[in-house]
Amino acid sequence: AEETPKEFINRWAVDFNKNTPAVISKYYEPSKDLEMLVSAGFWHHGFDEMLRAYQDDAKDIEYYDSTIKDLRVRRFDNTAIICFEHLFKFRVFDSNEHVQVHIRTTSTLRLKDGRWLIVLEHSSPINGQPRAVLIPAPPKST
């Protein structure tokens, strides 16, 4: 059975935690027409720029606890528009600071050869909600 857009983006959120650019990039259309606008103010044009952004992040930070809430999906044949709140945390390697991010993301997906791919992703802060806040480090597991 064909994966639904909801299943696709929930899988993306889980794989976001893997901190592996080669894994997360498989969710995006391998095209120069890909657009990714991130809540930190950067606009990445094309697959190569998006991949470099994830590669650069992987050198400096480690993502964890990526979750989605309030997911909404509209599907039109081979296109889907999805909106959700993305919550995730990251650890900065150099300082060992931990940050909680809470943003709203809208993605446009295209079904190609039986697979959904992100062709446009736009994240922005949420009115009345801090985009990023310092948090205590999680307890060390024993």
C-alpha atoms as a PDB file:
ATOM      1  CA  ALA A   1       0.000   0.000   0.000  1.00  0.00           C
ATOM      2  CA  GLU A   2       1.116   3.527  -0.749  1.00  0.00           C
ATOM      3  CA  GLU A   3       2.471   5.481   2.205  1.00  0.00           C
ATOM      4  CA  THR A   4       0.252   8.415   3.185  1.00  0.00           C
ATOM      5  CA  PRO A   5       1.683  11.938   3.502  1.00  0.00           C
ATOM      6  CA  LYS A   6       1.021  11.713   7.266  1.00  0.00           C
ATOM      7  CA  GLU A   7       3.025   8.481   7.553  1.00  0.00           C
ATOM      8  CA  PHE A   8       5.797   9.999   5.426  1.00  0.00           C
ATOM      9  CA  ILE A   9       6.239  13.123   7.555  1.00  0.00           C
ATOM     10  CA  ASN A  10       6.055  11.181  10.819  1.00  0.00           C
ATOM     11  CA  ARG A  11       8.862   8.953   9.512  1.00  0.00           C
ATOM     12  CA  TRP A  12      10.808  12.113   8.575  1.00  0.00           C
ATOM     13  CA  ALA A  13      10.463  13.381  12.179  1.00  0.00           C
ATOM     14  CA  VAL A  14      11.849  10.099  13.554  1.00  0.00           C
ATOM     15  CA  ASP A  15      14.747  10.071  11.072  1.00  0.00           C
ATOM     16  CA  PHE A  16      15.546  13.711  11.933  1.00  0.00           C
ATOM     17  CA  ASN A  17      16.903  12.302  15.225  1.00  0.00           C
ATOM     18  CA  LYS A  18      19.457  10.143  13.397  1.00  0.00           C
ATOM     19  CA  ASN A  19      21.692  13.148  12.615  1.00  0.00           C
ATOM     20  CA  THR A  20      22.689  11.569   9.325  1.00  0.00           C
ATOM     21  CA  PRO A  21      22.459  13.924   6.332  1.00  0.00           C
ATOM     22  CA  ALA A  22      22.367  10.970   3.905  1.00  0.00           C
ATOM     23  CA  VAL A  23      19.277   9.625   5.699  1.00  0.00           C
ATOM     24  CA  ILE A  24      17.288  12.850   6.064  1.00  0.00           C
ATOM     25  CA  SER A  25      18.112  14.028   2.537  1.00  0.00           C
ATOM     26  CA  LYS A  26      16.277  11.013   1.062  1.00  0.00           C
ATOM     27  CA  TYR A  27      13.026  12.755   2.019  1.00  0.00           C
ATOM     28  CA  TYR A  28      13.720  15.670  -0.344  1.00  0.00           C
ATOM     29  CA  GLU A  29      13.379  15.893  -4.120  1.00  0.00           C
ATOM     30  CA  PRO A  30      16.877  15.610  -5.627  1.00  0.00           C
ATOM     31  CA  SER A  31      16.382  18.716  -7.754  1.00  0.00           C
ATOM     32  CA  LYS A  32      17.840  22.171  -8.199  1.00  0.00           C
ATOM     33  CA  ASP A  33      14.234  23.391  -7.827  1.00  0.00           C
ATOM     34  CA  LEU A  34      13.945  22.253  -4.186  1.00  0.00           C
ATOM     35  CA  GLU A  35      13.366  25.145  -1.766  1.00  0.00           C
ATOM     36  CA  MET A  36      13.944  25.017   2.002  1.00  0.00           C
ATOM     37  CA  LEU A  37      13.307  28.102   4.151  1.00  0.00           C
ATOM     38  CA  VAL A  38      14.247  27.553   7.781  1.00  0.00           C
ATOM     39  CA  SER A  39      13.035  29.403  10.871  1.00  0.00           C
ATOM     40  CA  ALA A  40      16.568  30.645  11.631  1.00  0.00           C
ATOM     41  CA  GLY A  41      16.259  32.844   8.542  1.00  0.00           C
ATOM     42  CA  PHE A  42      18.161  30.827   5.929  1.00  0.00           C
ATOM     43  CA  TRP A  43      16.830  29.995   2.472  1.00  0.00           C
ATOM     44  CA  HIS A  44      18.425  26.992   0.790  1.00  0.00           C
ATOM     45  CA  HIS A  45      17.968  26.706  -2.987  1.00  0.00           C
ATOM     46  CA  GLY A  46      18.268  23.252  -4.493  1.00  0.00           C
ATOM     47  CA  PHE A  47      19.059  19.789  -3.190  1.00  0.00           C
ATOM     48  CA  ASP A  48      22.811  20.387  -2.940  1.00  0.00           C
ATOM     49  CA  GLU A  49      22.376  23.463  -0.701  1.00  0.00           C
ATOM     50  CA  MET A  50      19.880  21.605   1.508  1.00  0.00           C
ATOM     51  CA  LEU A  51      22.274  18.668   1.865  1.00  0.00           C
ATOM     52  CA  ARG A  52      25.185  21.003   2.717  1.00  0.00           C
ATOM     53  CA  ALA A  53      23.045  22.669   5.395  1.00  0.00           C
ATOM     54  CA  TYR A  54      22.350  19.312   7.046  1.00  0.00           C
ATOM     55  CA  GLN A  55      26.027  18.340   6.699  1.00  0.00           C
ATOM     56  CA  ASP A  56      27.121  21.612   8.316  1.00  0.00           C
ATOM     57  CA  ASP A  57      24.624  21.095  11.167  1.00  0.00           C
ATOM     58  CA  ALA A  58      25.942  17.566  11.758  1.00  0.00           C
ATOM     59  CA  LYS A  59      29.435  19.003  12.392  1.00  0.00           C
ATOM     60  CA  ASP A  60      28.234  21.343  15.158  1.00  0.00           C
ATOM     61  CA  ILE A  61      25.047  19.957  16.712  1.00  0.00           C
ATOM     62  CA  GLU A  62      23.158  16.758  17.481  1.00  0.00           C
ATOM     63  CA  TYR A  63      19.367  16.688  17.078  1.00  0.00           C
ATOM     64  CA  TYR A  64      17.173  14.642  19.418  1.00  0.00           C
ATOM     65  CA  ASP A  65      13.557  14.302  20.620  1.00  0.00           C
ATOM     66  CA  SER A  66      12.093  15.357  17.247  1.00  0.00           C
ATOM     67  CA  THR A  67       8.291  15.181  17.378  1.00  0.00           C
ATOM     68  CA  ILE A  68       5.342  16.520  15.437  1.00  0.00           C
ATOM     69  CA  LYS A  69       2.043  17.803  16.766  1.00  0.00           C
ATOM     70  CA  ASP A  70      -1.110  19.312  15.277  1.00  0.00           C
ATOM     71  CA  LEU A  71      -0.427  17.736  11.871  1.00  0.00           C
ATOM     72  CA  ARG A  72      -2.770  18.760   9.063  1.00  0.00           C
ATOM     73  CA  VAL A  73      -2.748  17.316   5.568  1.00  0.00           C
ATOM     74  CA  ARG A  74      -4.440  18.391   2.324  1.00  0.00           C
ATOM     75  CA  ARG A  75      -3.955  16.086  -0.629  1.00  0.00           C
ATOM     76  CA  PHE A  76      -4.556  16.887  -4.292  1.00  0.00           C
ATOM     77  CA  ASP A  77      -3.817  13.847  -6.471  1.00  0.00           C
ATOM     78  CA  ASN A  78       0.013  13.631  -6.525  1.00  0.00           C
ATOM     79  CA  THR A  79       0.550  16.702  -4.344  1.00  0.00           C
ATOM     80  CA  ALA A  80       0.095  17.159  -0.611  1.00  0.00           C
ATOM     81  CA  ILE A  81       0.430  20.207   1.600  1.00  0.00           C
ATOM     82  CA  ILE A  82       1.205  19.454   5.216  1.00  0.00           C
ATOM     83  CA  CYS A  83       1.376  21.803   8.197  1.00  0.00           C
ATOM     84  CA  PHE A  84       2.560  20.876  11.658  1.00  0.00           C
ATOM     85  CA  GLU A  85       4.331  22.049  14.757  1.00  0.00           C
ATOM     86  CA  HIS A  86       7.852  20.625  14.906  1.00  0.00           C
ATOM     87  CA  LEU A  87       9.435  20.285  18.319  1.00  0.00           C
ATOM     88  CA  PHE A  88      12.999  19.118  18.617  1.00  0.00           C
ATOM     89  CA  LYS A  89      16.054  19.556  20.770  1.00  0.00           C
ATOM     90  CA  PHE A  90      19.706  19.818  19.914  1.00  0.00           C
ATOM     91  CA  ARG A  91      23.024  19.729  21.708  1.00  0.00           C
ATOM     92  CA  VAL A  92      25.827  22.071  20.659  1.00  0.00           C
ATOM     93  CA  PHE A  93      29.054  20.048  20.606  1.00  0.00           C
ATOM     94  CA  ASP A  94      31.463  22.875  21.548  1.00  0.00           C
ATOM     95  CA  SER A  95      29.528  24.244  24.534  1.00  0.00           C
ATOM     96  CA  ASN A  96      27.393  21.214  25.441  1.00  0.00           C
ATOM     97  CA  GLU A  97      24.399  23.596  25.572  1.00  0.00           C
ATOM     98  CA  HIS A  98      20.990  22.052  24.924  1.00  0.00           C
ATOM     99  CA  VAL A  99      18.250  23.920  23.063  1.00  0.00           C
ATOM    100  CA  GLN A 100      14.516  23.226  22.602  1.00  0.00           C
ATOM    101  CA  VAL A 101      13.095  24.460  19.285  1.00  0.00           C
ATOM    102  CA  HIS A 102       9.358  24.865  18.647  1.00  0.00           C
ATOM    103  CA  ILE A 103       8.379  25.973  15.131  1.00  0.00           C
ATOM    104  CA  ARG A 104       5.609  25.626  12.590  1.00  0.00           C
ATOM    105  CA  THR A 105       6.479  23.917   9.325  1.00  0.00           C
ATOM    106  CA  THR A 106       4.586  23.786   6.043  1.00  0.00           C
ATOM    107  CA  SER A 107       5.824  21.346   3.415  1.00  0.00           C
ATOM    108  CA  THR A 108       4.695  20.638  -0.102  1.00  0.00           C
ATOM    109  CA  LEU A 109       5.097  17.003  -1.127  1.00  0.00           C
ATOM    110  CA  ARG A 110       4.992  15.434  -4.560  1.00  0.00           C
ATOM    111  CA  LEU A 111       4.280  11.777  -5.225  1.00  0.00           C
ATOM    112  CA  LYS A 112       6.858  10.558  -7.739  1.00  0.00           C
ATOM    113  CA  ASP A 113       7.325   6.922  -8.739  1.00  0.00           C
ATOM    114  CA  GLY A 114       5.225   5.819  -5.763  1.00  0.00           C
ATOM    115  CA  ARG A 115       7.267   7.850  -3.198  1.00  0.00           C
ATOM    116  CA  TRP A 116       6.472  11.124  -1.497  1.00  0.00           C
ATOM    117  CA  LEU A 117       9.249  13.743  -1.646  1.00  0.00           C
ATOM    118  CA  ILE A 118       9.471  17.198  -0.112  1.00  0.00           C
ATOM    119  CA  VAL A 119       9.703  19.823  -2.867  1.00  0.00           C
ATOM    120  CA  LEU A 120       9.289  22.884  -0.635  1.00  0.00           C
ATOM    121  CA  GLU A 121       9.702  23.257   3.129  1.00  0.00           C
ATOM    122  CA  HIS A 122       9.066  26.458   5.073  1.00  0.00           C
ATOM    123  CA  SER A 123       9.474  26.760   8.836  1.00  0.00           C
ATOM    124  CA  SER A 124       8.726  29.822  10.917  1.00  0.00           C
ATOM    125  CA  PRO A 125       8.399  30.877  14.538  1.00  0.00           C
ATOM    126  CA  ILE A 126       4.990  30.591  16.207  1.00  0.00           C
ATOM    127  CA  ASN A 127       3.363  33.785  17.493  1.00  0.00           C
ATOM    128  CA  GLY A 128       3.663  33.899  21.288  1.00  0.00           C
ATOM    129  CA  GLN A 129       5.988  30.882  21.411  1.00  0.00           C
ATOM    130  CA  PRO A 130       9.771  31.274  21.747  1.00  0.00           C
ATOM    131  CA  ARG A 131      11.450  29.675  18.723  1.00  0.00           C
ATOM    132  CA  ALA A 132      14.419  28.384  20.700  1.00  0.00           C
ATOM    133  CA  VAL A 133      15.189  28.245  24.413  1.00  0.00           C
ATOM    134  CA  LEU A 134      18.125  26.906  26.410  1.00  0.00           C
ATOM    135  CA  ILE A 135      17.179  23.827  28.441  1.00  0.00           C
ATOM    136  CA  PRO A 136      18.980  21.665  30.987  1.00  0.00           C
ATOM    137  CA  ALA A 137      20.934  18.709  29.642  1.00  0.00           C
ATOM    138  CA  PRO A 138      19.010  15.448  29.899  1.00  0.00           C
ATOM    139  CA  PRO A 139      20.101  13.110  32.695  1.00  0.00           C
ATOM    140  CA  LYS A 140      22.881  10.743  31.710  1.00  0.00           C
ATOM    141  CA  SER A 141      21.666   7.180  31.243  1.00  0.00           C
ATOM    142  CA  THR A 142      23.382   4.537  33.320  1.00  0.00           C
END
